[in-house]
Amino acid sequence: MRIRDLAPADMDDAQRTVAEEAIAGKRGRIPAPLRAWLHSPELGRRAQKLGEFVRYDTSLPPALSELAILVTARHWTSHVEWYAHKRDGLAAGIDPAVILAIAERREPEFTDGMAKLVHDYTKVLLATGRVPDDLHAVAAGALGERGVVDLVGIAGYYSLVALTLNAFDIGLPDGEMPELAP
């Protein structure tokens, strides 16, 4: 790891407050990127709150949220993000073949049109920084305006997570190996 991992005894009051808020929240623990964000407590506090929302409280069902997160993790080749959310995606009902295709940068075969739409929208947004009018119109029609805003929020937040994990080389748990090729 490229940044000091703060033990509770090493934290100042602001850092300790942010860590305690994370542990008291829906996650019940300090999420991996917060290990870096604690060095900027206000960033950590705000990012952690946004993360709690986009992870648990958007208008998208868990399978679609996790699908968008996996597309984002693959885009940034974020091993820790992939490790955490592959398990959650499977638990939410994403087809293992879809997850494998995303990991291998192949086009998944979807049986659910909504999942294909979320995949395609997220992938195009991350690849180009934009979404064509026709794809956006289909997404807005299917997900509603709030759904599209939530989807973009998920991709944006998990891009922040991926970049944090990658920049500070926050590694996988002991004994785990990366599943994503460069």
N, C-alpha and C. Protein backbone atom coordinates (compact mmCIF):
# COMPACT_ATOMS: atom_id res chain seq x y z
N MET A 1 0.85 -1.17 0.00
CA MET A 1 0.00 0.00 0.00
C MET A 1 0.90 1.24 0.00
N ARG A 2 0.52 2.22 -0.78
CA ARG A 2 1.36 3.41 -0.96
C ARG A 2 1.03 4.53 0.02
N ILE A 3 0.17 4.27 0.96
CA ILE A 3 -0.20 5.29 1.93
C ILE A 3 -0.29 4.60 3.29
N ARG A 4 0.03 5.33 4.31
CA ARG A 4 0.03 4.75 5.65
C ARG A 4 -1.37 4.29 6.03
N ASP A 5 -1.47 3.04 6.47
CA ASP A 5 -2.73 2.49 6.95
C ASP A 5 -2.87 2.91 8.41
N LEU A 6 -3.86 3.71 8.70
CA LEU A 6 -3.99 4.29 10.04
C LEU A 6 -4.65 3.31 11.01
N ALA A 7 -3.97 3.03 12.08
CA ALA A 7 -4.57 2.29 13.19
C ALA A 7 -5.37 3.30 14.01
N PRO A 8 -6.40 2.85 14.73
CA PRO A 8 -7.19 3.79 15.53
C PRO A 8 -6.34 4.69 16.43
N ALA A 9 -5.28 4.15 17.00
CA ALA A 9 -4.42 4.95 17.89
C ALA A 9 -3.67 6.05 17.15
N ASP A 10 -3.52 5.89 15.82
CA ASP A 10 -2.80 6.88 15.01
C ASP A 10 -3.71 7.97 14.44
N MET A 11 -5.01 7.82 14.61
CA MET A 11 -5.97 8.75 14.02
C MET A 11 -6.17 9.98 14.90
N ASP A 12 -6.33 11.14 14.23
CA ASP A 12 -6.73 12.32 14.98
C ASP A 12 -8.25 12.26 15.17
N ASP A 13 -8.81 13.24 15.85
CA ASP A 13 -10.24 13.21 16.17
C ASP A 13 -11.11 13.16 14.91
N ALA A 14 -10.76 13.94 13.90
CA ALA A 14 -11.56 13.97 12.67
C ALA A 14 -11.51 12.62 11.97
N GLN A 15 -10.34 12.02 11.88
CA GLN A 15 -10.20 10.71 11.25
C GLN A 15 -10.98 9.65 12.02
N ARG A 16 -10.86 9.68 13.33
CA ARG A 16 -11.55 8.71 14.18
C ARG A 16 -13.07 8.83 14.01
N THR A 17 -13.57 10.05 13.93
CA THR A 17 -15.00 10.27 13.75
C THR A 17 -15.48 9.66 12.44
N VAL A 18 -14.73 9.88 11.36
CA VAL A 18 -15.10 9.33 10.06
C VAL A 18 -15.08 7.80 10.11
N ALA A 19 -14.05 7.23 10.70
CA ALA A 19 -13.95 5.77 10.80
C ALA A 19 -15.12 5.21 11.61
N GLU A 20 -15.45 5.86 12.71
CA GLU A 20 -16.57 5.40 13.55
C GLU A 20 -17.89 5.52 12.82
N GLU A 21 -18.07 6.59 12.03
CA GLU A 21 -19.30 6.74 11.24
C GLU A 21 -19.43 5.61 10.22
N ALA A 22 -18.33 5.24 9.59
CA ALA A 22 -18.37 4.15 8.61
C ALA A 22 -18.74 2.84 9.28
N ILE A 23 -18.13 2.57 10.42
CA ILE A 23 -18.40 1.32 11.13
C ILE A 23 -19.85 1.28 11.62
N ALA A 24 -20.39 2.42 12.03
CA ALA A 24 -21.77 2.49 12.52
C ALA A 24 -22.79 2.46 11.38
N GLY A 25 -22.35 2.67 10.15
CA GLY A 25 -23.25 2.73 9.00
C GLY A 25 -23.67 1.36 8.50
N LYS A 26 -24.27 1.33 7.32
CA LYS A 26 -24.80 0.10 6.75
C LYS A 26 -23.73 -0.94 6.45
N ARG A 27 -22.51 -0.50 6.20
CA ARG A 27 -21.44 -1.45 5.88
C ARG A 27 -20.95 -2.19 7.14
N GLY A 28 -20.94 -1.48 8.26
CA GLY A 28 -20.48 -2.08 9.50
C GLY A 28 -18.97 -2.24 9.58
N ARG A 29 -18.25 -1.58 8.68
CA ARG A 29 -16.79 -1.71 8.65
C ARG A 29 -16.21 -0.51 7.89
N ILE A 30 -14.90 -0.42 7.88
CA ILE A 30 -14.23 0.61 7.10
C ILE A 30 -14.02 0.05 5.69
N PRO A 31 -14.65 0.63 4.67
CA PRO A 31 -14.44 0.12 3.32
C PRO A 31 -13.02 0.41 2.84
N ALA A 32 -12.53 -0.41 1.93
CA ALA A 32 -11.13 -0.33 1.49
C ALA A 32 -10.68 1.08 1.09
N PRO A 33 -11.43 1.83 0.26
CA PRO A 33 -10.90 3.14 -0.13
C PRO A 33 -10.82 4.14 1.02
N LEU A 34 -11.63 3.93 2.05
CA LEU A 34 -11.59 4.84 3.19
C LEU A 34 -10.24 4.76 3.91
N ARG A 35 -9.53 3.66 3.72
CA ARG A 35 -8.18 3.55 4.30
C ARG A 35 -7.28 4.67 3.77
N ALA A 36 -7.48 5.07 2.53
CA ALA A 36 -6.75 6.22 1.98
C ALA A 36 -7.46 7.53 2.31
N TRP A 37 -8.77 7.55 2.13
CA TRP A 37 -9.53 8.79 2.32
C TRP A 37 -9.43 9.34 3.74
N LEU A 38 -9.13 8.48 4.72
CA LEU A 38 -8.99 8.96 6.10
C LEU A 38 -7.89 10.01 6.23
N HIS A 39 -6.96 10.03 5.30
CA HIS A 39 -5.90 11.04 5.33
C HIS A 39 -6.43 12.42 4.94
N SER A 40 -7.63 12.46 4.40
CA SER A 40 -8.35 13.71 4.13
C SER A 40 -9.75 13.50 4.70
N PRO A 41 -9.91 13.67 6.01
CA PRO A 41 -11.13 13.25 6.69
C PRO A 41 -12.43 13.79 6.09
N GLU A 42 -12.44 15.02 5.65
CA GLU A 42 -13.69 15.57 5.09
C GLU A 42 -14.02 14.89 3.76
N LEU A 43 -13.02 14.65 2.93
CA LEU A 43 -13.25 13.88 1.71
C LEU A 43 -13.76 12.49 2.08
N GLY A 44 -13.12 11.87 3.05
CA GLY A 44 -13.54 10.54 3.49
C GLY A 44 -14.97 10.51 3.98
N ARG A 45 -15.35 11.50 4.77
CA ARG A 45 -16.71 11.54 5.31
C ARG A 45 -17.72 11.67 4.18
N ARG A 46 -17.46 12.60 3.27
CA ARG A 46 -18.42 12.84 2.19
C ARG A 46 -18.47 11.67 1.21
N ALA A 47 -17.31 11.13 0.86
CA ALA A 47 -17.29 9.99 -0.07
C ALA A 47 -17.96 8.78 0.54
N GLN A 48 -17.73 8.54 1.82
CA GLN A 48 -18.33 7.40 2.50
C GLN A 48 -19.85 7.51 2.51
N LYS A 49 -20.37 8.71 2.74
CA LYS A 49 -21.82 8.92 2.73
C LYS A 49 -22.40 8.70 1.33
N LEU A 50 -21.71 9.23 0.32
CA LEU A 50 -22.16 9.00 -1.05
C LEU A 50 -22.13 7.51 -1.38
N GLY A 51 -21.06 6.85 -0.97
CA GLY A 51 -20.95 5.42 -1.21
C GLY A 51 -22.05 4.62 -0.57
N GLU A 52 -22.41 4.98 0.64
CA GLU A 52 -23.50 4.29 1.32
C GLU A 52 -24.80 4.45 0.53
N PHE A 53 -25.03 5.64 -0.01
CA PHE A 53 -26.24 5.87 -0.81
C PHE A 53 -26.21 5.06 -2.10
N VAL A 54 -25.14 5.19 -2.89
CA VAL A 54 -25.14 4.52 -4.19
C VAL A 54 -25.07 3.01 -4.06
N ARG A 55 -24.60 2.52 -2.95
CA ARG A 55 -24.54 1.07 -2.75
C ARG A 55 -25.88 0.50 -2.30
N TYR A 56 -26.60 1.22 -1.46
CA TYR A 56 -27.77 0.63 -0.81
C TYR A 56 -29.11 1.31 -1.09
N ASP A 57 -29.11 2.53 -1.56
CA ASP A 57 -30.37 3.29 -1.56
C ASP A 57 -30.78 3.92 -2.88
N THR A 58 -30.20 3.50 -4.01
CA THR A 58 -30.63 4.08 -5.28
C THR A 58 -31.93 3.42 -5.72
N SER A 59 -32.46 3.93 -6.81
CA SER A 59 -33.71 3.38 -7.36
C SER A 59 -33.48 2.08 -8.13
N LEU A 60 -32.24 1.72 -8.38
CA LEU A 60 -31.96 0.50 -9.14
C LEU A 60 -31.97 -0.73 -8.23
N PRO A 61 -32.48 -1.85 -8.74
CA PRO A 61 -32.41 -3.08 -7.94
C PRO A 61 -30.96 -3.53 -7.77
N PRO A 62 -30.68 -4.31 -6.73
CA PRO A 62 -29.29 -4.70 -6.45
C PRO A 62 -28.56 -5.34 -7.63
N ALA A 63 -29.22 -6.19 -8.39
CA ALA A 63 -28.52 -6.84 -9.51
C ALA A 63 -28.05 -5.82 -10.54
N LEU A 64 -28.85 -4.81 -10.82
CA LEU A 64 -28.45 -3.80 -11.80
C LEU A 64 -27.36 -2.89 -11.24
N SER A 65 -27.46 -2.56 -9.97
CA SER A 65 -26.39 -1.76 -9.33
C SER A 65 -25.07 -2.51 -9.36
N GLU A 66 -25.11 -3.77 -8.95
CA GLU A 66 -23.87 -4.56 -8.91
C GLU A 66 -23.31 -4.76 -10.32
N LEU A 67 -24.17 -4.90 -11.31
CA LEU A 67 -23.71 -5.01 -12.69
C LEU A 67 -22.94 -3.75 -13.10
N ALA A 68 -23.51 -2.60 -12.80
CA ALA A 68 -22.83 -1.34 -13.13
C ALA A 68 -21.50 -1.22 -12.38
N ILE A 69 -21.46 -1.67 -11.14
CA ILE A 69 -20.22 -1.63 -10.36
C ILE A 69 -19.17 -2.55 -10.99
N LEU A 70 -19.58 -3.74 -11.41
CA LEU A 70 -18.63 -4.67 -12.03
C LEU A 70 -18.10 -4.13 -13.35
N VAL A 71 -18.96 -3.51 -14.15
CA VAL A 71 -18.50 -2.89 -15.40
C VAL A 71 -17.47 -1.80 -15.08
N THR A 72 -17.72 -1.04 -14.04
CA THR A 72 -16.79 0.02 -13.63
C THR A 72 -15.48 -0.57 -13.13
N ALA A 73 -15.57 -1.59 -12.30
CA ALA A 73 -14.35 -2.24 -11.79
C ALA A 73 -13.51 -2.80 -12.93
N ARG A 74 -14.17 -3.40 -13.91
CA ARG A 74 -13.44 -3.96 -15.06
C ARG A 74 -12.82 -2.84 -15.89
N HIS A 75 -13.56 -1.76 -16.09
CA HIS A 75 -13.04 -0.64 -16.86
C HIS A 75 -11.71 -0.14 -16.29
N TRP A 76 -11.65 -0.01 -14.98
CA TRP A 76 -10.46 0.52 -14.31
C TRP A 76 -9.50 -0.58 -13.86
N THR A 77 -9.82 -1.84 -14.16
CA THR A 77 -9.03 -2.99 -13.69
C THR A 77 -8.73 -2.84 -12.19
N SER A 78 -9.79 -2.67 -11.44
CA SER A 78 -9.68 -2.50 -9.99
C SER A 78 -9.92 -3.85 -9.32
N HIS A 79 -8.83 -4.50 -8.93
CA HIS A 79 -8.91 -5.85 -8.39
C HIS A 79 -9.71 -5.93 -7.09
N VAL A 80 -9.51 -4.97 -6.21
CA VAL A 80 -10.22 -5.00 -4.92
C VAL A 80 -11.71 -4.76 -5.14
N GLU A 81 -12.05 -3.79 -5.98
CA GLU A 81 -13.46 -3.52 -6.28
C GLU A 81 -14.10 -4.75 -6.93
N TRP A 82 -13.41 -5.37 -7.86
CA TRP A 82 -13.93 -6.58 -8.52
C TRP A 82 -14.13 -7.69 -7.49
N TYR A 83 -13.13 -7.91 -6.65
CA TYR A 83 -13.19 -8.96 -5.63
C TYR A 83 -14.42 -8.77 -4.74
N ALA A 84 -14.65 -7.57 -4.27
CA ALA A 84 -15.77 -7.31 -3.36
C ALA A 84 -17.12 -7.45 -4.06
N HIS A 85 -17.20 -6.95 -5.29
CA HIS A 85 -18.51 -6.87 -5.93
C HIS A 85 -18.85 -8.06 -6.80
N LYS A 86 -17.90 -8.88 -7.15
CA LYS A 86 -18.23 -10.13 -7.86
C LYS A 86 -19.11 -10.99 -6.95
N ARG A 87 -18.72 -11.13 -5.73
CA ARG A 87 -19.48 -11.91 -4.74
C ARG A 87 -20.88 -11.31 -4.56
N ASP A 88 -20.94 -9.98 -4.45
CA ASP A 88 -22.23 -9.32 -4.28
C ASP A 88 -23.10 -9.45 -5.52
N GLY A 89 -22.47 -9.38 -6.69
CA GLY A 89 -23.21 -9.55 -7.94
C GLY A 89 -23.80 -10.94 -8.06
N LEU A 90 -23.03 -11.95 -7.72
CA LEU A 90 -23.55 -13.32 -7.74
C LEU A 90 -24.71 -13.46 -6.76
N ALA A 91 -24.55 -12.91 -5.56
CA ALA A 91 -25.61 -12.98 -4.55
C ALA A 91 -26.87 -12.26 -5.01
N ALA A 92 -26.71 -11.21 -5.83
CA ALA A 92 -27.86 -10.45 -6.33
C ALA A 92 -28.52 -11.13 -7.53
N GLY A 93 -27.91 -12.20 -8.02
CA GLY A 93 -28.52 -12.96 -9.11
C GLY A 93 -27.94 -12.73 -10.49
N ILE A 94 -26.81 -12.06 -10.60
CA ILE A 94 -26.18 -11.89 -11.92
C ILE A 94 -25.64 -13.24 -12.37
N ASP A 95 -25.91 -13.59 -13.61
CA ASP A 95 -25.45 -14.84 -14.20
C ASP A 95 -23.92 -14.90 -14.15
N PRO A 96 -23.36 -15.99 -13.62
CA PRO A 96 -21.90 -16.11 -13.59
C PRO A 96 -21.25 -15.98 -14.97
N ALA A 97 -21.93 -16.41 -16.02
CA ALA A 97 -21.38 -16.29 -17.38
C ALA A 97 -21.26 -14.82 -17.79
N VAL A 98 -22.19 -13.99 -17.33
CA VAL A 98 -22.13 -12.55 -17.61
C VAL A 98 -20.92 -11.95 -16.89
N ILE A 99 -20.74 -12.33 -15.65
CA ILE A 99 -19.61 -11.81 -14.87
C ILE A 99 -18.29 -12.23 -15.51
N LEU A 100 -18.19 -13.48 -15.94
CA LEU A 100 -16.97 -13.97 -16.58
C LEU A 100 -16.70 -13.20 -17.87
N ALA A 101 -17.73 -12.97 -18.67
CA ALA A 101 -17.56 -12.23 -19.92
C ALA A 101 -17.05 -10.81 -19.65
N ILE A 102 -17.61 -10.16 -18.64
CA ILE A 102 -17.13 -8.81 -18.30
C ILE A 102 -15.67 -8.87 -17.87
N ALA A 103 -15.32 -9.84 -17.05
CA ALA A 103 -13.93 -9.98 -16.59
C ALA A 103 -12.98 -10.17 -17.77
N GLU A 104 -13.43 -10.91 -18.78
CA GLU A 104 -12.58 -11.22 -19.94
C GLU A 104 -12.72 -10.19 -21.06
N ARG A 105 -13.42 -9.10 -20.79
CA ARG A 105 -13.65 -8.03 -21.78
C ARG A 105 -14.35 -8.55 -23.04
N ARG A 106 -15.25 -9.50 -22.83
CA ARG A 106 -16.08 -9.99 -23.93
C ARG A 106 -17.48 -9.42 -23.77
N GLU A 107 -18.25 -9.42 -24.83
CA GLU A 107 -19.63 -8.95 -24.77
C GLU A 107 -20.48 -10.03 -24.12
N PRO A 108 -21.10 -9.75 -22.99
CA PRO A 108 -21.94 -10.76 -22.32
C PRO A 108 -23.20 -11.07 -23.13
N GLU A 109 -23.70 -12.27 -22.96
CA GLU A 109 -25.00 -12.64 -23.53
C GLU A 109 -26.03 -12.49 -22.42
N PHE A 110 -26.91 -11.53 -22.59
CA PHE A 110 -27.92 -11.24 -21.57
C PHE A 110 -29.25 -11.87 -21.94
N THR A 111 -29.95 -12.38 -20.93
CA THR A 111 -31.33 -12.83 -21.12
C THR A 111 -32.30 -11.76 -20.63
N ASP A 112 -31.77 -10.76 -19.96
CA ASP A 112 -32.57 -9.66 -19.40
C ASP A 112 -32.20 -8.37 -20.12
N GLY A 113 -33.16 -7.78 -20.81
CA GLY A 113 -32.92 -6.56 -21.57
C GLY A 113 -32.50 -5.39 -20.70
N MET A 114 -33.03 -5.31 -19.49
CA MET A 114 -32.66 -4.21 -18.59
C MET A 114 -31.19 -4.32 -18.18
N ALA A 115 -30.74 -5.54 -17.92
CA ALA A 115 -29.33 -5.74 -17.56
C ALA A 115 -28.43 -5.37 -18.74
N LYS A 116 -28.82 -5.74 -19.94
CA LYS A 116 -28.03 -5.36 -21.13
C LYS A 116 -27.96 -3.85 -21.25
N LEU A 117 -29.08 -3.18 -21.02
CA LEU A 117 -29.12 -1.73 -21.12
C LEU A 117 -28.18 -1.09 -20.09
N VAL A 118 -28.24 -1.54 -18.85
CA VAL A 118 -27.36 -1.00 -17.80
C VAL A 118 -25.90 -1.26 -18.15
N HIS A 119 -25.61 -2.46 -18.61
CA HIS A 119 -24.24 -2.80 -19.03
C HIS A 119 -23.77 -1.86 -20.13
N ASP A 120 -24.56 -1.75 -21.18
CA ASP A 120 -24.16 -0.96 -22.34
C ASP A 120 -24.01 0.52 -21.99
N TYR A 121 -24.96 1.06 -21.24
CA TYR A 121 -24.92 2.47 -20.87
C TYR A 121 -23.65 2.76 -20.06
N THR A 122 -23.40 1.92 -19.06
CA THR A 122 -22.24 2.12 -18.19
C THR A 122 -20.94 1.98 -18.98
N LYS A 123 -20.87 0.96 -19.81
CA LYS A 123 -19.64 0.72 -20.58
C LYS A 123 -19.34 1.88 -21.54
N VAL A 124 -20.36 2.35 -22.24
CA VAL A 124 -20.17 3.47 -23.18
C VAL A 124 -19.80 4.74 -22.42
N LEU A 125 -20.49 5.01 -21.32
CA LEU A 125 -20.18 6.20 -20.53
C LEU A 125 -18.73 6.20 -20.07
N LEU A 126 -18.27 5.07 -19.55
CA LEU A 126 -16.90 5.00 -19.05
C LEU A 126 -15.87 5.05 -20.18
N ALA A 127 -16.19 4.44 -21.31
CA ALA A 127 -15.24 4.39 -22.42
C ALA A 127 -15.09 5.74 -23.12
N THR A 128 -16.18 6.50 -23.19
CA THR A 128 -16.15 7.73 -23.99
C THR A 128 -16.38 9.00 -23.18
N GLY A 129 -16.87 8.84 -21.96
CA GLY A 129 -17.21 10.01 -21.15
C GLY A 129 -18.52 10.65 -21.57
N ARG A 130 -19.23 10.01 -22.47
CA ARG A 130 -20.51 10.51 -22.99
C ARG A 130 -21.41 9.32 -23.31
N VAL A 131 -22.67 9.62 -23.57
CA VAL A 131 -23.62 8.59 -24.01
C VAL A 131 -24.39 9.15 -25.20
N PRO A 132 -24.49 8.39 -26.30
CA PRO A 132 -25.24 8.88 -27.45
C PRO A 132 -26.71 9.13 -27.10
N ASP A 133 -27.32 10.07 -27.81
CA ASP A 133 -28.72 10.44 -27.54
C ASP A 133 -29.65 9.24 -27.57
N ASP A 134 -29.49 8.35 -28.55
CA ASP A 134 -30.42 7.22 -28.67
C ASP A 134 -30.30 6.27 -27.47
N LEU A 135 -29.09 5.97 -27.03
CA LEU A 135 -28.91 5.10 -25.87
C LEU A 135 -29.44 5.78 -24.61
N HIS A 136 -29.19 7.07 -24.47
CA HIS A 136 -29.69 7.78 -23.31
C HIS A 136 -31.22 7.78 -23.28
N ALA A 137 -31.84 7.98 -24.43
CA ALA A 137 -33.31 8.00 -24.50
C ALA A 137 -33.89 6.65 -24.11
N VAL A 138 -33.28 5.57 -24.57
CA VAL A 138 -33.76 4.23 -24.20
C VAL A 138 -33.60 4.03 -22.69
N ALA A 139 -32.46 4.42 -22.15
CA ALA A 139 -32.23 4.26 -20.71
C ALA A 139 -33.21 5.09 -19.89
N ALA A 140 -33.45 6.32 -20.30
CA ALA A 140 -34.40 7.18 -19.58
C ALA A 140 -35.80 6.61 -19.66
N GLY A 141 -36.16 6.04 -20.79
CA GLY A 141 -37.47 5.42 -20.92
C GLY A 141 -37.63 4.19 -20.05
N ALA A 142 -36.57 3.43 -19.91
CA ALA A 142 -36.63 2.18 -19.14
C ALA A 142 -36.42 2.40 -17.65
N LEU A 143 -35.48 3.26 -17.30
CA LEU A 143 -35.11 3.45 -15.89
C LEU A 143 -35.75 4.68 -15.26
N GLY A 144 -36.25 5.59 -16.10
CA GLY A 144 -36.72 6.87 -15.62
C GLY A 144 -35.55 7.81 -15.42
N GLU A 145 -35.85 9.08 -15.28
CA GLU A 145 -34.77 10.06 -15.09
C GLU A 145 -33.97 9.78 -13.82
N ARG A 146 -34.68 9.47 -12.75
CA ARG A 146 -33.97 9.18 -11.50
C ARG A 146 -33.07 7.96 -11.66
N GLY A 147 -33.56 6.95 -12.34
CA GLY A 147 -32.76 5.74 -12.54
C GLY A 147 -31.48 6.01 -13.30
N VAL A 148 -31.57 6.84 -14.34
CA VAL A 148 -30.36 7.17 -15.11
C VAL A 148 -29.40 8.00 -14.26
N VAL A 149 -29.93 8.94 -13.51
CA VAL A 149 -29.07 9.73 -12.62
C VAL A 149 -28.39 8.81 -11.60
N ASP A 150 -29.15 7.88 -11.03
CA ASP A 150 -28.57 6.94 -10.07
C ASP A 150 -27.50 6.08 -10.74
N LEU A 151 -27.75 5.62 -11.96
CA LEU A 151 -26.77 4.80 -12.69
C LEU A 151 -25.47 5.57 -12.93
N VAL A 152 -25.59 6.80 -13.37
CA VAL A 152 -24.40 7.63 -13.58
C VAL A 152 -23.69 7.87 -12.24
N GLY A 153 -24.44 8.07 -11.18
CA GLY A 153 -23.85 8.23 -9.85
C GLY A 153 -23.08 7.00 -9.41
N ILE A 154 -23.63 5.82 -9.69
CA ILE A 154 -22.93 4.57 -9.35
C ILE A 154 -21.62 4.48 -10.12
N ALA A 155 -21.67 4.71 -11.43
CA ALA A 155 -20.45 4.64 -12.25
C ALA A 155 -19.43 5.67 -11.79
N GLY A 156 -19.89 6.86 -11.47
CA GLY A 156 -18.97 7.91 -11.03
C GLY A 156 -18.35 7.61 -9.68
N TYR A 157 -19.17 7.21 -8.72
CA TYR A 157 -18.65 6.92 -7.39
C TYR A 157 -17.67 5.75 -7.45
N TYR A 158 -18.05 4.68 -8.14
CA TYR A 158 -17.16 3.52 -8.18
C TYR A 158 -15.93 3.76 -9.04
N SER A 159 -15.95 4.76 -9.91
CA SER A 159 -14.72 5.20 -10.57
C SER A 159 -13.79 5.84 -9.55
N LEU A 160 -14.34 6.69 -8.68
CA LEU A 160 -13.56 7.28 -7.60
C LEU A 160 -12.95 6.18 -6.72
N VAL A 161 -13.76 5.19 -6.38
CA VAL A 161 -13.27 4.07 -5.57
C VAL A 161 -12.13 3.35 -6.29
N ALA A 162 -12.35 3.00 -7.56
CA ALA A 162 -11.34 2.26 -8.32
C ALA A 162 -10.04 3.05 -8.43
N LEU A 163 -10.16 4.32 -8.74
CA LEU A 163 -8.95 5.14 -8.87
C LEU A 163 -8.21 5.26 -7.55
N THR A 164 -8.95 5.38 -6.46
CA THR A 164 -8.32 5.44 -5.13
C THR A 164 -7.60 4.13 -4.83
N LEU A 165 -8.28 3.01 -5.04
CA LEU A 165 -7.68 1.71 -4.76
C LEU A 165 -6.43 1.49 -5.62
N ASN A 166 -6.52 1.86 -6.89
CA ASN A 166 -5.39 1.67 -7.81
C ASN A 166 -4.24 2.63 -7.50
N ALA A 167 -4.55 3.90 -7.28
CA ALA A 167 -3.49 4.90 -7.04
C ALA A 167 -2.69 4.59 -5.79
N PHE A 168 -3.38 4.13 -4.75
CA PHE A 168 -2.71 3.87 -3.49
C PHE A 168 -2.36 2.40 -3.31
N ASP A 169 -2.55 1.62 -4.37
CA ASP A 169 -2.17 0.21 -4.39
C ASP A 169 -2.71 -0.53 -3.16
N ILE A 170 -3.99 -0.31 -2.91
CA ILE A 170 -4.65 -1.01 -1.80
C ILE A 170 -4.96 -2.41 -2.31
N GLY A 171 -4.34 -3.38 -1.69
CA GLY A 171 -4.36 -4.75 -2.21
C GLY A 171 -5.52 -5.60 -1.75
N LEU A 172 -5.57 -6.76 -2.37
CA LEU A 172 -6.57 -7.77 -2.03
C LEU A 172 -6.28 -8.34 -0.65
N PRO A 173 -7.29 -8.95 -0.03
CA PRO A 173 -7.04 -9.63 1.24
C PRO A 173 -5.96 -10.71 1.06
N ASP A 174 -5.26 -11.00 2.12
CA ASP A 174 -4.21 -12.03 2.07
C ASP A 174 -4.76 -13.32 1.49
N GLY A 175 -3.99 -13.92 0.60
CA GLY A 175 -4.36 -15.19 0.00
C GLY A 175 -5.21 -15.08 -1.25
N GLU A 176 -5.70 -13.89 -1.57
CA GLU A 176 -6.53 -13.71 -2.77
C GLU A 176 -5.65 -13.26 -3.93
N MET A 177 -5.99 -13.74 -5.12
CA MET A 177 -5.24 -13.40 -6.32
C MET A 177 -6.11 -12.56 -7.25
N PRO A 178 -5.51 -11.64 -8.01
CA PRO A 178 -6.29 -10.85 -8.96
C PRO A 178 -6.94 -11.74 -10.01
N GLU A 179 -8.18 -11.41 -10.36
CA GLU A 179 -8.90 -12.16 -11.39
C GLU A 179 -8.92 -11.45 -12.73
N LEU A 180 -8.55 -10.19 -12.75
CA LEU A 180 -8.64 -9.39 -13.97
C LEU A 180 -7.28 -9.26 -14.63
N ALA A 181 -7.23 -9.57 -15.92
CA ALA A 181 -6.01 -9.33 -16.69
C ALA A 181 -5.92 -7.83 -16.96
N PRO A 182 -4.72 -7.31 -17.18
CA PRO A 182 -4.58 -5.87 -17.46
C PRO A 182 -5.39 -5.43 -18.67
